Protein backbone atom coordinates (compact mmCIF):
# COMPACT_ATOMS: atom_id res chain seq x y z
CA MET A 1 -5.74 38.57 2.09
CA PRO A 2 -6.70 36.99 -1.27
CA GLU A 3 -10.18 35.63 -1.85
CA LEU A 4 -11.21 32.68 -4.01
CA SER A 5 -14.03 32.86 -6.50
CA SER A 6 -16.58 30.07 -6.78
CA LEU A 7 -14.95 28.96 -10.03
CA ASP A 8 -11.54 28.72 -8.35
CA ILE A 9 -12.98 26.62 -5.53
CA VAL A 10 -14.68 24.22 -7.94
CA LEU A 11 -11.56 23.98 -10.10
CA ARG A 12 -9.27 23.15 -7.19
CA VAL A 13 -11.60 20.60 -5.61
CA VAL A 14 -12.31 18.87 -8.94
CA LEU A 15 -8.60 18.83 -9.82
CA ALA A 16 -7.77 17.27 -6.45
CA ALA A 17 -10.49 14.66 -7.02
CA VAL A 18 -9.28 13.81 -10.53
CA LEU A 19 -5.59 13.52 -9.62
CA GLY A 20 -6.21 11.63 -6.40
CA GLY A 21 -8.73 9.38 -8.15
CA ALA A 22 -6.22 8.56 -10.90
CA ILE A 23 -3.79 7.19 -8.33
CA GLY A 24 -6.59 5.48 -6.43
CA LEU A 25 -7.80 3.79 -9.61
CA GLU A 26 -4.39 2.19 -10.08
CA ARG A 27 -4.58 0.86 -6.51
CA GLU A 28 -8.15 -0.32 -7.10
CA LEU A 29 -7.16 -2.25 -10.23
CA ARG A 30 -4.48 -4.03 -8.20
CA ASP A 31 -7.06 -4.86 -5.52
CA ARG A 32 -5.19 -3.01 -2.79
CA GLU A 33 -6.51 -2.11 0.66
CA ALA A 34 -7.21 1.53 -0.24
CA GLY A 35 -8.63 2.17 -3.69
CA LEU A 36 -10.32 4.81 -5.83
CA ARG A 37 -12.73 6.28 -3.29
CA THR A 38 -10.23 6.39 -0.43
CA HIS A 39 -7.54 8.18 -2.45
CA LEU A 40 -10.09 10.56 -3.97
CA LEU A 41 -11.50 11.49 -0.56
CA VAL A 42 -8.05 11.98 0.94
CA SER A 43 -7.04 14.30 -1.92
CA VAL A 44 -10.28 16.32 -1.78
CA GLY A 45 -10.12 16.56 2.00
CA ALA A 46 -6.52 17.76 1.92
CA ALA A 47 -7.44 20.37 -0.72
CA LEU A 48 -10.36 21.65 1.35
CA PHE A 49 -8.31 21.83 4.54
CA THR A 50 -5.68 23.80 2.67
CA MET A 51 -8.21 26.24 1.20
CA VAL A 52 -9.89 26.73 4.59
CA SER A 53 -6.50 27.30 6.18
CA ALA A 54 -5.35 29.85 3.60
CA TYR A 55 -8.50 31.61 2.38
CA ALA A 56 -11.38 31.23 4.84
CA TRP A 57 -10.40 34.05 7.21
CA THR A 58 -11.07 37.14 5.10
CA ASP A 59 -13.61 38.50 7.62
CA TRP A 60 -11.10 38.36 10.47
CA GLN A 61 -8.83 41.18 11.52
CA PHE A 62 -5.29 40.20 12.43
CA SER A 63 -2.73 42.31 14.23
CA ASN A 64 0.66 41.42 15.61
CA GLU A 65 0.33 44.20 18.17
CA LYS A 66 -2.90 42.71 19.52
CA GLY A 67 -1.54 39.20 19.45
CA LEU A 68 -3.88 38.03 16.68
CA VAL A 69 -1.39 36.36 14.37
CA PHE A 70 -2.49 34.78 11.09
CA ASP A 71 -0.71 31.56 10.18
CA PRO A 72 -2.32 29.82 7.18
CA THR A 73 -0.12 26.74 7.60
CA ARG A 74 -1.52 25.63 10.95
CA ILE A 75 -4.54 23.72 9.69
CA ALA A 76 -2.83 22.38 6.56
CA ALA A 77 0.12 21.14 8.61
CA GLN A 78 -2.16 18.81 10.53
CA VAL A 79 -3.07 17.03 7.30
CA VAL A 80 0.44 15.61 7.16
CA THR A 81 0.10 14.24 10.69
CA GLY A 82 -3.47 13.05 10.34
CA ILE A 83 -2.85 11.11 7.15
CA GLY A 84 -0.50 8.87 9.11
CA PHE A 85 -3.50 7.19 10.76
CA LEU A 86 -4.96 6.19 7.40
CA GLY A 87 -1.57 5.00 6.21
CA ALA A 88 -1.16 2.84 9.30
CA GLY A 89 -4.57 1.29 8.66
CA ALA A 90 -3.53 0.29 5.14
CA ILE A 91 -0.49 -1.67 6.41
CA ILE A 92 -1.26 -5.32 7.14
CA ARG A 93 1.04 -7.84 8.74
CA GLN A 94 0.62 -11.45 7.62
CA GLY A 95 2.90 -13.77 9.52
CA LEU A 96 6.43 -12.49 9.02
CA SER A 97 5.57 -10.43 5.94
CA VAL A 98 4.19 -6.89 5.77
CA LYS A 99 1.83 -5.65 3.06
CA GLY A 100 0.34 -2.27 2.25
CA LEU A 101 3.43 -0.08 2.54
CA THR A 102 3.11 1.18 -1.04
CA THR A 103 -0.59 1.95 -0.57
CA ALA A 104 0.20 3.83 2.65
CA ALA A 105 2.81 5.84 0.74
CA THR A 106 0.33 6.68 -2.04
CA LEU A 107 -2.17 7.96 0.55
CA TRP A 108 0.54 10.21 1.94
CA VAL A 109 1.47 11.51 -1.53
CA VAL A 110 -2.19 11.97 -2.51
CA ALA A 111 -2.66 14.22 0.51
CA ALA A 112 0.26 16.33 -0.71
CA ILE A 113 -1.27 16.48 -4.20
CA GLY A 114 -4.57 17.63 -2.73
CA MET A 115 -2.79 20.34 -0.73
CA ALA A 116 -0.98 21.52 -3.87
CA ALA A 117 -4.27 21.66 -5.77
CA GLY A 118 -5.94 23.48 -2.89
CA VAL A 119 -3.33 26.22 -2.80
CA GLY A 120 -3.30 26.58 -6.59
CA TYR A 121 0.08 24.99 -7.22
CA TYR A 122 -1.23 23.14 -10.27
CA GLU A 123 2.08 22.35 -11.94
CA ALA A 124 3.38 20.57 -8.86
CA ALA A 125 0.14 18.59 -8.52
CA PHE A 126 0.25 17.40 -12.15
CA VAL A 127 3.95 16.55 -12.12
CA THR A 128 3.69 14.67 -8.82
CA THR A 129 0.71 12.66 -10.05
CA ALA A 130 2.60 11.71 -13.21
CA VAL A 131 5.66 10.63 -11.20
CA VAL A 132 3.53 8.55 -8.82
CA LEU A 133 1.71 6.77 -11.66
CA LEU A 134 5.04 6.14 -13.38
CA SER A 135 6.50 4.60 -10.23
CA LEU A 136 3.42 2.44 -9.60
CA TRP A 137 3.23 0.91 -13.06
CA PRO A 138 6.15 1.11 -15.55
CA LEU A 139 8.82 1.55 -12.90
CA ARG A 140 7.40 -1.38 -10.93
CA ILE A 141 7.70 -3.65 -13.96
CA ILE A 142 11.27 -2.51 -14.67
CA ALA A 143 12.34 -2.95 -11.04
CA PHE A 144 10.75 -6.39 -10.87
CA ARG A 145 12.54 -7.59 -14.01
CA MET A 146 15.88 -6.24 -12.83
CA SER A 147 15.62 -7.77 -9.36
CA ALA A 148 14.15 -11.07 -10.55
CA ARG A 149 17.57 -12.06 -11.90
CA THR A 150 19.20 -11.93 -8.49
CA ARG A 151 16.51 -12.43 -5.88
CA PRO A 152 15.32 -15.93 -4.89
CA GLU A 153 11.97 -17.19 -6.18
CA GLN A 154 9.08 -16.80 -3.75
CA GLY A 155 5.60 -18.27 -3.64
CA HIS A 156 2.88 -19.96 -1.63
CA LEU A 157 2.91 -23.67 -0.90
CA ALA A 158 -0.20 -25.56 0.22
CA VAL A 159 0.46 -28.91 1.89
CA ASP A 160 -2.31 -31.39 2.80
CA LEU A 161 -1.92 -33.56 5.90
CA PRO A 162 -4.21 -35.83 7.93
CA ALA A 163 -6.12 -34.05 10.69
CA GLY A 164 -3.96 -33.54 13.77
CA ALA A 165 -0.70 -34.34 11.95
CA SER A 166 2.39 -32.39 12.97
CA ALA A 167 3.98 -29.89 10.62
CA VAL A 168 7.49 -30.53 11.93
CA SER A 169 8.34 -33.12 9.29
CA VAL A 170 7.10 -30.79 6.53
CA LEU A 171 9.24 -27.91 7.78
CA GLU A 172 12.29 -30.14 8.08
CA ALA A 173 11.82 -31.46 4.53
CA ALA A 174 11.38 -27.95 3.17
CA GLU A 175 14.57 -26.75 4.84
CA LYS A 176 16.53 -29.73 3.55
CA ALA A 177 15.26 -28.94 0.04
CA GLY A 178 16.78 -25.44 0.30
CA ALA A 179 13.58 -23.51 1.06
CA GLU A 180 13.11 -20.80 3.68
CA VAL A 181 9.68 -20.59 5.34
CA THR A 182 8.72 -16.94 5.98
CA SER A 183 5.13 -17.49 7.20
CA LEU A 184 2.96 -20.40 8.25
CA GLU A 185 -0.81 -20.86 8.63
CA PHE A 186 -3.00 -23.87 9.50
CA GLN A 187 -6.51 -24.76 8.35
CA GLU A 188 -8.57 -27.71 9.61
CA GLU A 189 -11.09 -29.10 7.09
CA GLY A 190 -12.83 -32.25 8.31
CA ASP A 191 -10.30 -35.08 8.37
CA ARG A 192 -7.68 -32.96 6.63
CA ARG A 193 -5.24 -30.35 7.84
CA ARG A 194 -3.86 -27.86 5.31
CA ILE A 195 -0.68 -25.89 5.86
CA ASP A 196 -0.22 -22.69 3.88
CA LEU A 197 3.43 -21.66 3.74
CA ARG A 198 5.09 -18.62 2.30
CA ILE A 199 8.32 -19.96 0.77
CA LYS A 200 11.53 -18.35 -0.38
CA LEU A 201 13.54 -20.76 -2.51
CA GLY A 202 17.31 -20.85 -2.37
CA ARG A 203 19.42 -20.01 -5.40
CA GLY A 204 19.27 -22.77 -7.98
CA LYS A 205 16.26 -24.44 -6.33
CA SER A 206 12.95 -25.01 -8.12
CA PRO A 207 9.35 -25.45 -6.93
CA SER A 208 9.17 -28.89 -8.55
CA GLY A 209 12.18 -30.07 -6.55
CA LEU A 210 10.60 -28.80 -3.34
CA ILE A 211 7.31 -30.59 -4.05
CA ASP A 212 9.16 -33.81 -4.87
CA ALA A 213 10.93 -33.60 -1.52
CA LEU A 214 7.69 -32.97 0.38
CA THR A 215 5.84 -35.84 -1.28
CA GLN A 216 8.47 -38.17 0.17
CA VAL A 217 7.22 -37.29 3.67
CA GLU A 218 4.92 -40.06 4.87
CA ALA A 219 2.14 -37.81 6.23
CA VAL A 220 1.92 -35.54 3.19
CA ARG A 221 -1.13 -36.23 1.03
CA GLY A 222 -0.40 -33.54 -1.55
CA ALA A 223 1.42 -30.28 -2.19
CA ARG A 224 0.65 -27.36 -4.55
CA TRP A 225 2.83 -24.41 -5.51
CA ASN A 226 1.37 -20.98 -6.33
CA PRO A 227 3.76 -18.17 -7.42
């Protein structure tokens, strides 16, 4: 069974930390739920689990005849399952929308990068990191520009009402103006009630037209659109 030198151990752990941290830094800069430290720790932990699984049993004697079978994949395989708990924690549901799926996916990929670094598969670790960073930044911009031409405009709409006022008239006016409400939240502030809506505008509709329609509602004191 092969043994790792101290230099090999340091190299693999540091490489896992650098590659995982690079992806985590991108998430940190975008203010996502899991950032630099989380991705770095996941990558380093996956690398260590892999090294323990593959190289930490040199003092053991294994024999198929005695039923002592060596399977270096057993511990490392649990990393794939265990990382699902962290990924689930990064996913947040807000009303009808779900956020954090991309961050959960990066945690899953970072674990794979750490495993590759831990087993010494450096080329795969570098290439995967490059592909992930490409998909998180340049590819994201390209995909957004391509889809922006066909998908409806979305944004947040804040509507001010008197305290205790019903939101029914606001929802009806928004629907008549060609807007689809995907989430709805209420906030009471003294004598004012604020409604925060996540809006998807219909094709050919504009935020200014929606605000004009809402200001015609008697109870509406003001409306603000945030992309």
